[in-house]
């Protein structure tokens, strides 16, 4: 019976605080790791950000063959009037 009480007391007063200390350290290291990853991502995004006046082309449509007599668009034929 005394062994059981001693084991319980050791668990409560030694093992539990030790586990709490180790878990706290683990959580803190994981938080710092995630924060540093986030800083790296934000620096990469800032370096990729477009500067004023620059142009980035993400998509270039494929060239299509056009007919020589096909003008396309809203074309209105007109004649010049000479005075």
C-alpha atoms as a PDB file:
ATOM      1  CA  UNK A   1       0.000   0.000   0.000  1.00  0.00           C
ATOM      2  CA  UNK A   2       2.849   2.387   0.819  1.00  0.00           C
ATOM      3  CA  UNK A   3       4.506   1.582  -2.515  1.00  0.00           C
ATOM      4  CA  UNK A   4       1.342   2.606  -4.357  1.00  0.00           C
ATOM      5  CA  UNK A   5       1.108   5.890  -2.462  1.00  0.00           C
ATOM      6  CA  UNK A   6       4.818   6.589  -3.090  1.00  0.00           C
ATOM      7  CA  UNK A   7       4.437   5.889  -6.828  1.00  0.00           C
ATOM      8  CA  UNK A   8       1.423   8.190  -7.029  1.00  0.00           C
ATOM      9  CA  UNK A   9       3.267  10.968  -5.169  1.00  0.00           C
ATOM     10  CA  UNK A  10       6.320  10.610  -7.419  1.00  0.00           C
ATOM     11  CA  UNK A  11       4.073  10.780 -10.488  1.00  0.00           C
ATOM     12  CA  UNK A  12       2.272  13.867  -9.220  1.00  0.00           C
ATOM     13  CA  UNK A  13       5.249  15.827  -7.879  1.00  0.00           C
ATOM     14  CA  UNK A  14       8.088  14.742 -10.202  1.00  0.00           C
ATOM     15  CA  UNK A  15       6.865  13.292 -13.482  1.00  0.00           C
ATOM     16  CA  UNK A  16       3.974  15.669 -14.129  1.00  0.00           C
ATOM     17  CA  UNK A  17       6.042  18.893 -13.709  1.00  0.00           C
ATOM     18  CA  UNK A  18       8.824  17.347 -15.788  1.00  0.00           C
ATOM     19  CA  UNK A  19       6.385  16.515 -18.583  1.00  0.00           C
ATOM     20  CA  UNK A  20       4.875  19.991 -18.346  1.00  0.00           C
ATOM     21  CA  UNK A  21       8.346  21.545 -18.629  1.00  0.00           C
ATOM     22  CA  UNK A  22       9.275  19.392 -21.630  1.00  0.00           C
ATOM     23  CA  UNK A  23       5.982  20.052 -23.411  1.00  0.00           C
ATOM     24  CA  UNK A  24       6.325  23.791 -22.816  1.00  0.00           C
ATOM     25  CA  UNK A  25       9.793  23.735 -24.352  1.00  0.00           C
ATOM     26  CA  UNK A  26       8.540  21.691 -27.319  1.00  0.00           C
ATOM     27  CA  UNK A  27       5.640  24.049 -27.959  1.00  0.00           C
ATOM     28  CA  UNK A  28       7.886  27.119 -27.739  1.00  0.00           C
ATOM     29  CA  UNK A  29      10.358  25.644 -30.250  1.00  0.00           C
ATOM     30  CA  UNK A  30       7.520  24.769 -32.643  1.00  0.00           C
ATOM     31  CA  UNK A  31       6.093  28.284 -32.394  1.00  0.00           C
ATOM     32  CA  UNK A  32       9.502  29.830 -33.116  1.00  0.00           C
ATOM     33  CA  UNK A  33       9.958  27.460 -36.042  1.00  0.00           C
ATOM     34  CA  UNK A  34       6.596  28.405 -37.568  1.00  0.00           C
ATOM     35  CA  UNK A  35       7.258  32.117 -37.007  1.00  0.00           C
ATOM     36  CA  UNK A  36      10.620  31.905 -38.779  1.00  0.00           C
ATOM     37  CA  UNK A  37       9.003  30.036 -41.688  1.00  0.00           C
ATOM     38  CA  UNK A  38       6.358  32.758 -41.897  1.00  0.00           C
ATOM     39  CA  UNK A  39       9.054  35.464 -41.917  1.00  0.00           C
ATOM     40  CA  UNK A  40      10.863  33.671 -44.738  1.00  0.00           C
ATOM     41  CA  UNK A  41       7.635  33.418 -46.751  1.00  0.00           C
ATOM     42  CA  UNK A  42       6.821  37.086 -46.208  1.00  0.00           C
ATOM     43  CA  UNK A  43      10.329  38.120 -47.310  1.00  0.00           C
ATOM     44  CA  UNK A  44      10.018  35.958 -50.429  1.00  0.00           C
ATOM     45  CA  UNK A  45       6.613  37.453 -51.195  1.00  0.00           C
ATOM     46  CA  UNK A  46       8.000  40.958 -50.726  1.00  0.00           C
ATOM     47  CA  UNK A  47      10.872  40.232 -53.085  1.00  0.00           C
ATOM     48  CA  UNK A  48       8.448  38.860 -55.667  1.00  0.00           C
ATOM     49  CA  UNK A  49       6.158  41.862 -55.342  1.00  0.00           C
ATOM     50  CA  UNK A  50       6.033  43.995 -58.443  1.00  0.00           C
ATOM     51  CA  UNK A  51       7.831  47.275 -58.398  1.00  0.00           C
ATOM     52  CA  UNK A  52       6.085  50.364 -59.674  1.00  0.00           C
ATOM     53  CA  UNK A  53       6.169  50.540 -63.454  1.00  0.00           C
ATOM     54  CA  UNK A  54       7.039  46.886 -64.035  1.00  0.00           C
ATOM     55  CA  UNK A  55       4.864  44.604 -66.125  1.00  0.00           C
ATOM     56  CA  UNK A  56       4.469  40.881 -65.587  1.00  0.00           C
ATOM     57  CA  UNK A  57       2.773  38.754 -68.238  1.00  0.00           C
ATOM     58  CA  UNK A  58       1.292  35.586 -66.799  1.00  0.00           C
ATOM     59  CA  UNK A  59      -0.528  34.372 -69.925  1.00  0.00           C
ATOM     60  CA  UNK A  60       0.185  34.937 -73.573  1.00  0.00           C
ATOM     61  CA  UNK A  61      -2.669  33.786 -75.811  1.00  0.00           C
ATOM     62  CA  UNK A  62      -1.700  31.588 -78.739  1.00  0.00           C
ATOM     63  CA  UNK A  63      -1.430  33.288 -82.109  1.00  0.00           C
ATOM     64  CA  UNK A  64      -4.277  32.598 -84.491  1.00  0.00           C
ATOM     65  CA  UNK A  65      -4.093  32.758 -88.257  1.00  0.00           C
ATOM     66  CA  UNK A  66      -5.902  35.752 -89.682  1.00  0.00           C
ATOM     67  CA  UNK A  67      -7.245  36.031 -93.203  1.00  0.00           C
ATOM     68  CA  UNK A  68      -5.851  38.841 -95.330  1.00  0.00           C
ATOM     69  CA  UNK A  69      -9.259  40.326 -96.152  1.00  0.00           C
ATOM     70  CA  UNK A  70     -10.675  39.805 -92.654  1.00  0.00           C
ATOM     71  CA  UNK A  71     -10.354  43.094 -90.801  1.00  0.00           C
ATOM     72  CA  UNK A  72     -12.106  42.028 -87.592  1.00  0.00           C
ATOM     73  CA  UNK A  73     -13.696  44.177 -84.938  1.00  0.00           C
ATOM     74  CA  UNK A  74     -16.219  46.929 -85.621  1.00  0.00           C
ATOM     75  CA  UNK A  75     -15.129  48.089 -89.052  1.00  0.00           C
ATOM     76  CA  UNK A  76     -17.163  50.731 -90.824  1.00  0.00           C
ATOM     77  CA  UNK A  77     -16.211  51.387 -94.454  1.00  0.00           C
ATOM     78  CA  UNK A  78     -16.067  55.050 -95.384  1.00  0.00           C
ATOM     79  CA  UNK A  79     -15.073  57.219 -98.308  1.00  0.00           C
ATOM     80  CA  UNK A  80     -13.161  60.427 -98.143  1.00  0.00           C
ATOM     81  CA  UNK A  81     -14.965  63.416 -99.601  1.00  0.00           C
ATOM     82  CA  UNK A  82     -12.757  65.836-101.477  1.00  0.00           C
ATOM     83  CA  UNK A  83     -13.696  69.494-101.474  1.00  0.00           C
END
